[in-house]
All heavy atoms as atom14 arrays in JSON, in Angstrom:
{
  "sequence": "SCVASGTISSFYPMGWYRQPPGKERELVASVSSLRGTYYADSVKG",
  "atom14_mask": [
    [1, 1, 1, 1, 1, 1, 0, 0, 0, 0, 0, 0, 0, 0],
    [1, 1, 1, 1, 1, 1, 0, 0, 0, 0, 0, 0, 0, 0],
    [1, 1, 1, 1, 1, 1, 1, 0, 0, 0, 0, 0, 0, 0],
    [1, 1, 1, 1, 1, 0, 0, 0, 0, 0, 0, 0, 0, 0],
    [1, 1, 1, 1, 1, 1, 0, 0, 0, 0, 0, 0, 0, 0],
    [1, 1, 1, 1, 0, 0, 0, 0, 0, 0, 0, 0, 0, 0],
    [1, 1, 1, 1, 1, 1, 1, 0, 0, 0, 0, 0, 0, 0],
    [1, 1, 1, 1, 1, 1, 1, 1, 0, 0, 0, 0, 0, 0],
    [1, 1, 1, 1, 1, 1, 0, 0, 0, 0, 0, 0, 0, 0],
    [1, 1, 1, 1, 1, 1, 0, 0, 0, 0, 0, 0, 0, 0],
    [1, 1, 1, 1, 1, 1, 1, 1, 1, 1, 1, 0, 0, 0],
    [1, 1, 1, 1, 1, 1, 1, 1, 1, 1, 1, 1, 0, 0],
    [1, 1, 1, 1, 1, 1, 1, 0, 0, 0, 0, 0, 0, 0],
    [1, 1, 1, 1, 1, 1, 1, 1, 0, 0, 0, 0, 0, 0],
    [1, 1, 1, 1, 0, 0, 0, 0, 0, 0, 0, 0, 0, 0],
    [1, 1, 1, 1, 1, 1, 1, 1, 1, 1, 1, 1, 1, 1],
    [1, 1, 1, 1, 1, 1, 1, 1, 1, 1, 1, 1, 0, 0],
    [1, 1, 1, 1, 1, 1, 1, 1, 1, 1, 1, 0, 0, 0],
    [1, 1, 1, 1, 1, 1, 1, 1, 1, 0, 0, 0, 0, 0],
    [1, 1, 1, 1, 1, 1, 1, 0, 0, 0, 0, 0, 0, 0],
    [1, 1, 1, 1, 1, 1, 1, 0, 0, 0, 0, 0, 0, 0],
    [1, 1, 1, 1, 0, 0, 0, 0, 0, 0, 0, 0, 0, 0],
    [1, 1, 1, 1, 1, 1, 1, 1, 1, 0, 0, 0, 0, 0],
    [1, 1, 1, 1, 1, 1, 1, 1, 1, 0, 0, 0, 0, 0],
    [1, 1, 1, 1, 1, 1, 1, 1, 1, 1, 1, 0, 0, 0],
    [1, 1, 1, 1, 1, 1, 1, 1, 1, 0, 0, 0, 0, 0],
    [1, 1, 1, 1, 1, 1, 1, 1, 0, 0, 0, 0, 0, 0],
    [1, 1, 1, 1, 1, 1, 1, 0, 0, 0, 0, 0, 0, 0],
    [1, 1, 1, 1, 1, 0, 0, 0, 0, 0, 0, 0, 0, 0],
    [1, 1, 1, 1, 1, 1, 0, 0, 0, 0, 0, 0, 0, 0],
    [1, 1, 1, 1, 1, 1, 1, 0, 0, 0, 0, 0, 0, 0],
    [1, 1, 1, 1, 1, 1, 0, 0, 0, 0, 0, 0, 0, 0],
    [1, 1, 1, 1, 1, 1, 0, 0, 0, 0, 0, 0, 0, 0],
    [1, 1, 1, 1, 1, 1, 1, 1, 0, 0, 0, 0, 0, 0],
    [1, 1, 1, 1, 1, 1, 1, 1, 1, 1, 1, 0, 0, 0],
    [1, 1, 1, 1, 0, 0, 0, 0, 0, 0, 0, 0, 0, 0],
    [1, 1, 1, 1, 1, 1, 1, 0, 0, 0, 0, 0, 0, 0],
    [1, 1, 1, 1, 1, 1, 1, 1, 1, 1, 1, 1, 0, 0],
    [1, 1, 1, 1, 1, 1, 1, 1, 1, 1, 1, 1, 0, 0],
    [1, 1, 1, 1, 1, 0, 0, 0, 0, 0, 0, 0, 0, 0],
    [1, 1, 1, 1, 1, 1, 1, 1, 0, 0, 0, 0, 0, 0],
    [1, 1, 1, 1, 1, 1, 0, 0, 0, 0, 0, 0, 0, 0],
    [1, 1, 1, 1, 1, 1, 1, 0, 0, 0, 0, 0, 0, 0],
    [1, 1, 1, 1, 1, 1, 1, 1, 1, 0, 0, 0, 0, 0],
    [1, 1, 1, 1, 0, 0, 0, 0, 0, 0, 0, 0, 0, 0]
  ],
  "atom14_positions": [
    [[47.46, 97.13, 77.53], [48.02, 96.76, 78.81], [47.13, 95.74, 79.49], [45.91, 95.78, 79.37], [48.18, 97.98, 79.72], [49.04, 98.94, 79.16], [0.0, 0.0, 0.0], [0.0, 0.0, 0.0], [0.0, 0.0, 0.0], [0.0, 0.0, 0.0], [0.0, 0.0, 0.0], [0.0, 0.0, 0.0], [0.0, 0.0, 0.0], [0.0, 0.0, 0.0]],
    [[47.76, 94.84, 80.22], [47.04, 93.85, 81.0], [47.75, 93.7, 82.33], [48.94, 93.39, 82.36], [46.99, 92.52, 80.26], [46.3, 91.15, 81.22], [0.0, 0.0, 0.0], [0.0, 0.0, 0.0], [0.0, 0.0, 0.0], [0.0, 0.0, 0.0], [0.0, 0.0, 0.0], [0.0, 0.0, 0.0], [0.0, 0.0, 0.0], [0.0, 0.0, 0.0]],
    [[47.02, 93.92, 83.39], [47.57, 93.8, 84.74], [46.84, 92.67, 85.46], [45.6, 92.63, 85.47], [47.44, 95.1, 85.53], [47.99, 94.93, 86.94], [48.18, 96.23, 84.81], [0.0, 0.0, 0.0], [0.0, 0.0, 0.0], [0.0, 0.0, 0.0], [0.0, 0.0, 0.0], [0.0, 0.0, 0.0], [0.0, 0.0, 0.0], [0.0, 0.0, 0.0]],
    [[47.61, 91.77, 86.03], [47.06, 90.61, 86.71], [47.13, 90.78, 88.22], [48.11, 91.3, 88.75], [47.8, 89.34, 86.31], [0.0, 0.0, 0.0], [0.0, 0.0, 0.0], [0.0, 0.0, 0.0], [0.0, 0.0, 0.0], [0.0, 0.0, 0.0], [0.0, 0.0, 0.0], [0.0, 0.0, 0.0], [0.0, 0.0, 0.0], [0.0, 0.0, 0.0]],
    [[46.1, 90.33, 88.89], [46.12, 90.2, 90.33], [46.18, 88.72, 90.67], [45.6, 87.88, 89.98], [44.9, 90.85, 90.97], [43.7, 90.24, 90.53], [0.0, 0.0, 0.0], [0.0, 0.0, 0.0], [0.0, 0.0, 0.0], [0.0, 0.0, 0.0], [0.0, 0.0, 0.0], [0.0, 0.0, 0.0], [0.0, 0.0, 0.0], [0.0, 0.0, 0.0]],
    [[46.89, 88.4, 91.74], [47.09, 87.01, 92.1], [48.51, 86.57, 91.82], [49.4, 87.39, 91.55], [0.0, 0.0, 0.0], [0.0, 0.0, 0.0], [0.0, 0.0, 0.0], [0.0, 0.0, 0.0], [0.0, 0.0, 0.0], [0.0, 0.0, 0.0], [0.0, 0.0, 0.0], [0.0, 0.0, 0.0], [0.0, 0.0, 0.0], [0.0, 0.0, 0.0]],
    [[48.74, 85.28, 91.87], [50.07, 84.72, 91.71], [50.34, 84.42, 90.25], [49.64, 83.61, 89.63], [50.23, 83.45, 92.56], [50.0, 83.76, 93.94], [51.63, 82.9, 92.41], [0.0, 0.0, 0.0], [0.0, 0.0, 0.0], [0.0, 0.0, 0.0], [0.0, 0.0, 0.0], [0.0, 0.0, 0.0], [0.0, 0.0, 0.0], [0.0, 0.0, 0.0]],
    [[51.38, 85.06, 89.72], [51.78, 84.9, 88.32], [53.23, 84.44, 88.28], [54.08, 85.0, 88.96], [51.62, 86.21, 87.54], [50.15, 86.66, 87.53], [52.16, 86.07, 86.13], [49.25, 85.75, 86.74], [0.0, 0.0, 0.0], [0.0, 0.0, 0.0], [0.0, 0.0, 0.0], [0.0, 0.0, 0.0], [0.0, 0.0, 0.0], [0.0, 0.0, 0.0]],
    [[53.5, 83.44, 87.47], [54.85, 82.95, 87.29], [55.33, 83.24, 85.88], [54.61, 82.99, 84.91], [54.92, 81.44, 87.54], [56.19, 80.93, 87.19], [0.0, 0.0, 0.0], [0.0, 0.0, 0.0], [0.0, 0.0, 0.0], [0.0, 0.0, 0.0], [0.0, 0.0, 0.0], [0.0, 0.0, 0.0], [0.0, 0.0, 0.0], [0.0, 0.0, 0.0]],
    [[56.55, 83.75, 85.76], [57.12, 84.02, 84.45], [57.4, 82.75, 83.67], [57.62, 82.81, 82.45], [58.4, 84.85, 84.58], [59.4, 84.13, 85.27], [0.0, 0.0, 0.0], [0.0, 0.0, 0.0], [0.0, 0.0, 0.0], [0.0, 0.0, 0.0], [0.0, 0.0, 0.0], [0.0, 0.0, 0.0], [0.0, 0.0, 0.0], [0.0, 0.0, 0.0]],
    [[57.43, 81.62, 84.34], [57.63, 80.35, 83.66], [56.49, 80.05, 82.69], [56.7, 79.43, 81.64], [57.78, 79.23, 84.69], [57.98, 77.87, 84.09], [59.23, 77.46, 83.68], [56.91, 77.0, 83.95], [59.43, 76.19, 83.13], [57.09, 75.74, 83.41], [58.35, 75.34, 83.0], [0.0, 0.0, 0.0], [0.0, 0.0, 0.0], [0.0, 0.0, 0.0]],
    [[55.3, 80.46, 83.07], [54.12, 80.19, 82.26], [53.82, 81.38, 81.36], [54.09, 82.52, 81.71], [52.92, 79.87, 83.15], [53.11, 78.61, 83.95], [53.43, 78.67, 85.31], [52.97, 77.36, 83.36], [53.61, 77.51, 86.04], [53.15, 76.2, 84.09], [53.46, 76.27, 85.43], [53.65, 75.12, 86.16], [0.0, 0.0, 0.0], [0.0, 0.0, 0.0]],
    [[53.24, 81.12, 80.22], [53.05, 82.2, 79.25], [51.92, 83.16, 79.6], [50.89, 82.77, 80.15], [52.74, 81.45, 77.95], [52.14, 80.16, 78.4], [52.87, 79.8, 79.66], [0.0, 0.0, 0.0], [0.0, 0.0, 0.0], [0.0, 0.0, 0.0], [0.0, 0.0, 0.0], [0.0, 0.0, 0.0], [0.0, 0.0, 0.0], [0.0, 0.0, 0.0]],
    [[52.14, 84.4, 79.24], [51.07, 85.37, 79.1], [51.0, 85.76, 77.64], [52.03, 85.77, 76.95], [51.29, 86.6, 79.96], [51.27, 86.33, 81.46], [51.3, 87.85, 82.45], [49.6, 88.41, 82.25], [0.0, 0.0, 0.0], [0.0, 0.0, 0.0], [0.0, 0.0, 0.0], [0.0, 0.0, 0.0], [0.0, 0.0, 0.0], [0.0, 0.0, 0.0]],
    [[49.83, 86.05, 77.17], [49.7, 86.36, 75.77], [48.48, 87.18, 75.44], [47.67, 87.51, 76.31], [0.0, 0.0, 0.0], [0.0, 0.0, 0.0], [0.0, 0.0, 0.0], [0.0, 0.0, 0.0], [0.0, 0.0, 0.0], [0.0, 0.0, 0.0], [0.0, 0.0, 0.0], [0.0, 0.0, 0.0], [0.0, 0.0, 0.0], [0.0, 0.0, 0.0]],
    [[48.4, 87.52, 74.18], [47.28, 88.27, 73.64], [46.63, 87.47, 72.52], [47.31, 86.98, 71.62], [47.73, 89.63, 73.1], [48.16, 90.57, 74.17], [49.42, 90.78, 74.64], [47.31, 91.45, 74.91], [49.43, 91.73, 75.62], [48.14, 92.16, 75.81], [45.94, 91.72, 74.9], [47.63, 93.12, 76.7], [45.44, 92.66, 75.78], [46.28, 93.35, 76.66]],
    [[45.34, 87.33, 72.62], [44.52, 86.75, 71.58], [43.61, 87.84, 71.03], [43.39, 88.87, 71.66], [43.66, 85.62, 72.13], [44.4, 84.35, 72.49], [45.25, 84.31, 73.59], [44.24, 83.19, 71.74], [45.93, 83.15, 73.94], [44.92, 82.02, 72.08], [45.75, 82.01, 73.17], [46.41, 80.86, 73.51], [0.0, 0.0, 0.0], [0.0, 0.0, 0.0]],
    [[43.08, 87.58, 69.86], [42.08, 88.49, 69.31], [41.0, 87.71, 68.6], [41.23, 86.6, 68.12], [42.72, 89.52, 68.38], [43.27, 88.95, 67.07], [43.98, 90.04, 66.28], [44.49, 89.55, 65.01], [45.27, 90.24, 64.2], [45.65, 91.47, 64.53], [45.69, 89.72, 63.05], [0.0, 0.0, 0.0], [0.0, 0.0, 0.0], [0.0, 0.0, 0.0]],
    [[39.84, 88.31, 68.55], [38.7, 87.71, 67.87], [38.09, 88.75, 66.94], [37.34, 89.63, 67.4], [37.67, 87.2, 68.87], [36.55, 86.42, 68.23], [35.73, 85.64, 69.25], [35.81, 85.89, 70.44], [34.95, 84.69, 68.77], [0.0, 0.0, 0.0], [0.0, 0.0, 0.0], [0.0, 0.0, 0.0], [0.0, 0.0, 0.0], [0.0, 0.0, 0.0]],
    [[38.41, 88.66, 65.65], [37.78, 89.58, 64.69], [36.3, 89.28, 64.56], [35.84, 88.17, 64.88], [38.52, 89.28, 63.38], [39.76, 88.55, 63.78], [39.39, 87.79, 65.01], [0.0, 0.0, 0.0], [0.0, 0.0, 0.0], [0.0, 0.0, 0.0], [0.0, 0.0, 0.0], [0.0, 0.0, 0.0], [0.0, 0.0, 0.0], [0.0, 0.0, 0.0]],
    [[35.53, 90.22, 64.07], [34.1, 89.97, 63.91], [33.85, 88.8, 62.96], [34.43, 88.74, 61.87], [33.57, 91.29, 63.34], [34.76, 92.01, 62.81], [35.91, 91.59, 63.67], [0.0, 0.0, 0.0], [0.0, 0.0, 0.0], [0.0, 0.0, 0.0], [0.0, 0.0, 0.0], [0.0, 0.0, 0.0], [0.0, 0.0, 0.0], [0.0, 0.0, 0.0]],
    [[33.03, 87.88, 63.39], [32.68, 86.73, 62.58], [33.72, 85.63, 62.51], [33.53, 84.67, 61.76], [0.0, 0.0, 0.0], [0.0, 0.0, 0.0], [0.0, 0.0, 0.0], [0.0, 0.0, 0.0], [0.0, 0.0, 0.0], [0.0, 0.0, 0.0], [0.0, 0.0, 0.0], [0.0, 0.0, 0.0], [0.0, 0.0, 0.0], [0.0, 0.0, 0.0]],
    [[34.8, 85.75, 63.27], [35.87, 84.76, 63.24], [36.14, 84.21, 64.63], [35.68, 84.75, 65.63], [37.15, 85.37, 62.65], [37.01, 85.86, 61.23], [38.34, 86.41, 60.71], [38.21, 86.89, 59.28], [39.51, 87.44, 58.78], [0.0, 0.0, 0.0], [0.0, 0.0, 0.0], [0.0, 0.0, 0.0], [0.0, 0.0, 0.0], [0.0, 0.0, 0.0]],
    [[36.92, 83.14, 64.67], [37.28, 82.53, 65.94], [38.46, 83.26, 66.58], [39.23, 83.95, 65.91], [37.62, 81.06, 65.74], [36.45, 80.21, 65.28], [36.79, 78.74, 65.21], [37.98, 78.39, 65.31], [35.85, 77.94, 65.07], [0.0, 0.0, 0.0], [0.0, 0.0, 0.0], [0.0, 0.0, 0.0], [0.0, 0.0, 0.0], [0.0, 0.0, 0.0]],
    [[38.58, 83.08, 67.86], [39.68, 83.69, 68.6], [41.01, 83.08, 68.15], [41.13, 81.86, 67.98], [39.47, 83.49, 70.1], [40.41, 84.29, 70.98], [40.04, 84.17, 72.45], [38.7, 84.66, 72.71], [38.16, 84.75, 73.93], [38.85, 84.38, 74.99], [36.93, 85.21, 74.06], [0.0, 0.0, 0.0], [0.0, 0.0, 0.0], [0.0, 0.0, 0.0]],
    [[42.02, 83.93, 67.99], [43.32, 83.48, 67.53], [44.43, 84.08, 68.38], [44.31, 85.19, 68.9], [43.54, 83.87, 66.06], [43.55, 85.37, 65.83], [43.72, 85.75, 64.36], [43.87, 84.84, 63.52], [43.7, 86.97, 64.06], [0.0, 0.0, 0.0], [0.0, 0.0, 0.0], [0.0, 0.0, 0.0], [0.0, 0.0, 0.0], [0.0, 0.0, 0.0]],
    [[45.51, 83.35, 68.5], [46.67, 83.82, 69.24], [47.44, 84.84, 68.42], [47.79, 84.6, 67.26], [47.58, 82.65, 69.6], [48.89, 83.0, 70.33], [48.6, 83.63, 71.69], [49.75, 81.75, 70.49], [0.0, 0.0, 0.0], [0.0, 0.0, 0.0], [0.0, 0.0, 0.0], [0.0, 0.0, 0.0], [0.0, 0.0, 0.0], [0.0, 0.0, 0.0]],
    [[47.71, 85.99, 69.03], [48.46, 87.05, 68.38], [49.92, 87.02, 68.8], [50.83, 87.07, 67.95], [47.85, 88.42, 68.72], [48.69, 89.55, 68.11], [46.41, 88.5, 68.22], [0.0, 0.0, 0.0], [0.0, 0.0, 0.0], [0.0, 0.0, 0.0], [0.0, 0.0, 0.0], [0.0, 0.0, 0.0], [0.0, 0.0, 0.0], [0.0, 0.0, 0.0]],
    [[50.18, 86.95, 70.1], [51.53, 86.97, 70.62], [51.54, 86.41, 72.02], [50.54, 86.5, 72.74], [52.11, 88.38, 70.62], [0.0, 0.0, 0.0], [0.0, 0.0, 0.0], [0.0, 0.0, 0.0], [0.0, 0.0, 0.0], [0.0, 0.0, 0.0], [0.0, 0.0, 0.0], [0.0, 0.0, 0.0], [0.0, 0.0, 0.0], [0.0, 0.0, 0.0]],
    [[52.66, 85.84, 72.41], [52.81, 85.32, 73.76], [54.25, 85.44, 74.19], [55.16, 85.57, 73.36], [52.33, 83.87, 73.87], [53.15, 83.0, 73.1], [0.0, 0.0, 0.0], [0.0, 0.0, 0.0], [0.0, 0.0, 0.0], [0.0, 0.0, 0.0], [0.0, 0.0, 0.0], [0.0, 0.0, 0.0], [0.0, 0.0, 0.0], [0.0, 0.0, 0.0]],
    [[54.46, 85.36, 75.49], [55.8, 85.44, 76.04], [55.88, 84.63, 77.32], [54.96, 84.66, 78.15], [56.23, 86.91, 76.28], [55.28, 87.62, 77.23], [57.67, 86.98, 76.79], [0.0, 0.0, 0.0], [0.0, 0.0, 0.0], [0.0, 0.0, 0.0], [0.0, 0.0, 0.0], [0.0, 0.0, 0.0], [0.0, 0.0, 0.0], [0.0, 0.0, 0.0]],
    [[56.95, 83.89, 77.48], [57.23, 83.15, 78.7], [58.73, 83.0, 78.84], [59.47, 83.07, 77.85], [56.55, 81.79, 78.69], [57.16, 80.92, 77.75], [0.0, 0.0, 0.0], [0.0, 0.0, 0.0], [0.0, 0.0, 0.0], [0.0, 0.0, 0.0], [0.0, 0.0, 0.0], [0.0, 0.0, 0.0], [0.0, 0.0, 0.0], [0.0, 0.0, 0.0]],
    [[59.17, 82.77, 80.07], [60.59, 82.56, 80.29], [61.06, 81.24, 79.69], [62.23, 81.1, 79.34], [60.91, 82.6, 81.78], [60.23, 81.58, 82.49], [0.0, 0.0, 0.0], [0.0, 0.0, 0.0], [0.0, 0.0, 0.0], [0.0, 0.0, 0.0], [0.0, 0.0, 0.0], [0.0, 0.0, 0.0], [0.0, 0.0, 0.0], [0.0, 0.0, 0.0]],
    [[60.15, 80.29, 79.55], [60.51, 78.99, 79.02], [60.74, 79.03, 77.52], [61.73, 78.47, 77.02], [59.43, 77.97, 79.36], [59.65, 76.55, 78.82], [60.9, 75.94, 79.44], [58.43, 75.69, 79.1], [0.0, 0.0, 0.0], [0.0, 0.0, 0.0], [0.0, 0.0, 0.0], [0.0, 0.0, 0.0], [0.0, 0.0, 0.0], [0.0, 0.0, 0.0]],
    [[59.85, 79.68, 76.79], [59.88, 79.6, 75.34], [60.11, 80.92, 74.63], [60.13, 80.97, 73.4], [58.59, 78.96, 74.83], [58.38, 77.55, 75.36], [57.25, 76.85, 74.66], [57.02, 75.52, 75.22], [57.71, 74.44, 74.89], [58.69, 74.52, 73.99], [57.43, 73.27, 75.46], [0.0, 0.0, 0.0], [0.0, 0.0, 0.0], [0.0, 0.0, 0.0]],
    [[60.27, 81.99, 75.38], [60.48, 83.27, 74.74], [59.21, 83.84, 74.15], [58.12, 83.65, 74.69], [0.0, 0.0, 0.0], [0.0, 0.0, 0.0], [0.0, 0.0, 0.0], [0.0, 0.0, 0.0], [0.0, 0.0, 0.0], [0.0, 0.0, 0.0], [0.0, 0.0, 0.0], [0.0, 0.0, 0.0], [0.0, 0.0, 0.0], [0.0, 0.0, 0.0]],
    [[59.36, 84.52, 73.03], [58.22, 85.2, 72.41], [57.74, 84.47, 71.18], [58.51, 83.78, 70.49], [58.57, 86.64, 72.03], [59.7, 86.65, 71.15], [58.89, 87.46, 73.27], [0.0, 0.0, 0.0], [0.0, 0.0, 0.0], [0.0, 0.0, 0.0], [0.0, 0.0, 0.0], [0.0, 0.0, 0.0], [0.0, 0.0, 0.0], [0.0, 0.0, 0.0]],
    [[56.48, 84.65, 70.91], [55.84, 84.12, 69.71], [54.96, 85.21, 69.11], [54.31, 85.95, 69.84], [54.98, 82.9, 70.04], [54.01, 82.55, 68.94], [54.4, 81.75, 67.87], [52.7, 83.04, 68.95], [53.53, 81.45, 66.85], [51.82, 82.74, 67.93], [52.24, 81.95, 66.88], [51.37, 81.66, 65.86], [0.0, 0.0, 0.0], [0.0, 0.0, 0.0]],
    [[54.96, 85.27, 67.78], [54.08, 86.18, 67.07], [53.41, 85.46, 65.92], [54.03, 84.66, 65.21], [54.85, 87.37, 66.5], [55.46, 88.27, 67.54], [56.79, 88.11, 67.91], [54.72, 89.27, 68.14], [57.36, 88.93, 68.87], [55.28, 90.09, 69.09], [56.6, 89.92, 69.45], [57.16, 90.74, 70.4], [0.0, 0.0, 0.0], [0.0, 0.0, 0.0]],
    [[52.15, 85.75, 65.74], [51.47, 85.28, 64.54], [52.09, 85.93, 63.31], [52.55, 87.08, 63.37], [49.98, 85.6, 64.62], [0.0, 0.0, 0.0], [0.0, 0.0, 0.0], [0.0, 0.0, 0.0], [0.0, 0.0, 0.0], [0.0, 0.0, 0.0], [0.0, 0.0, 0.0], [0.0, 0.0, 0.0], [0.0, 0.0, 0.0], [0.0, 0.0, 0.0]],
    [[52.1, 85.21, 62.21], [52.7, 85.74, 60.99], [52.09, 87.08, 60.58], [52.78, 87.95, 60.04], [52.55, 84.74, 59.85], [53.46, 83.54, 59.99], [54.43, 83.6, 60.78], [53.21, 82.53, 59.32], [0.0, 0.0, 0.0], [0.0, 0.0, 0.0], [0.0, 0.0, 0.0], [0.0, 0.0, 0.0], [0.0, 0.0, 0.0], [0.0, 0.0, 0.0]],
    [[50.82, 87.25, 60.83], [50.12, 88.44, 60.4], [50.55, 89.71, 61.12], [50.28, 90.81, 60.63], [48.6, 88.25, 60.57], [48.28, 87.99, 61.92], [0.0, 0.0, 0.0], [0.0, 0.0, 0.0], [0.0, 0.0, 0.0], [0.0, 0.0, 0.0], [0.0, 0.0, 0.0], [0.0, 0.0, 0.0], [0.0, 0.0, 0.0], [0.0, 0.0, 0.0]],
    [[51.23, 89.57, 62.26], [51.61, 90.74, 63.04], [53.12, 90.89, 63.19], [53.57, 91.88, 63.79], [50.95, 90.75, 64.43], [49.44, 90.58, 64.3], [51.53, 89.66, 65.32], [0.0, 0.0, 0.0], [0.0, 0.0, 0.0], [0.0, 0.0, 0.0], [0.0, 0.0, 0.0], [0.0, 0.0, 0.0], [0.0, 0.0, 0.0], [0.0, 0.0, 0.0]],
    [[53.89, 89.96, 62.68], [55.34, 90.04, 62.81], [55.88, 91.33, 62.19], [55.49, 91.71, 61.09], [56.0, 88.84, 62.14], [55.87, 87.55, 62.92], [56.56, 86.4, 62.2], [56.44, 85.11, 63.0], [57.05, 83.97, 62.28], [0.0, 0.0, 0.0], [0.0, 0.0, 0.0], [0.0, 0.0, 0.0], [0.0, 0.0, 0.0], [0.0, 0.0, 0.0]],
    [[56.76, 91.97, 62.93], [57.33, 93.23, 62.47], [56.51, 94.44, 62.82], [57.0, 95.57, 62.66], [0.0, 0.0, 0.0], [0.0, 0.0, 0.0], [0.0, 0.0, 0.0], [0.0, 0.0, 0.0], [0.0, 0.0, 0.0], [0.0, 0.0, 0.0], [0.0, 0.0, 0.0], [0.0, 0.0, 0.0], [0.0, 0.0, 0.0], [0.0, 0.0, 0.0]]
  ]
}
């Protein structure tokens, strides 16, 4: 769960990134009213 304080617009994306040990941060999933949802191939389904 992620709860934001302040002004948030659904037009802009919110998402989840992850950083495995020894690796760079990568996008896992995102959602916005403009573009819908996105999932990395590794987590689809």
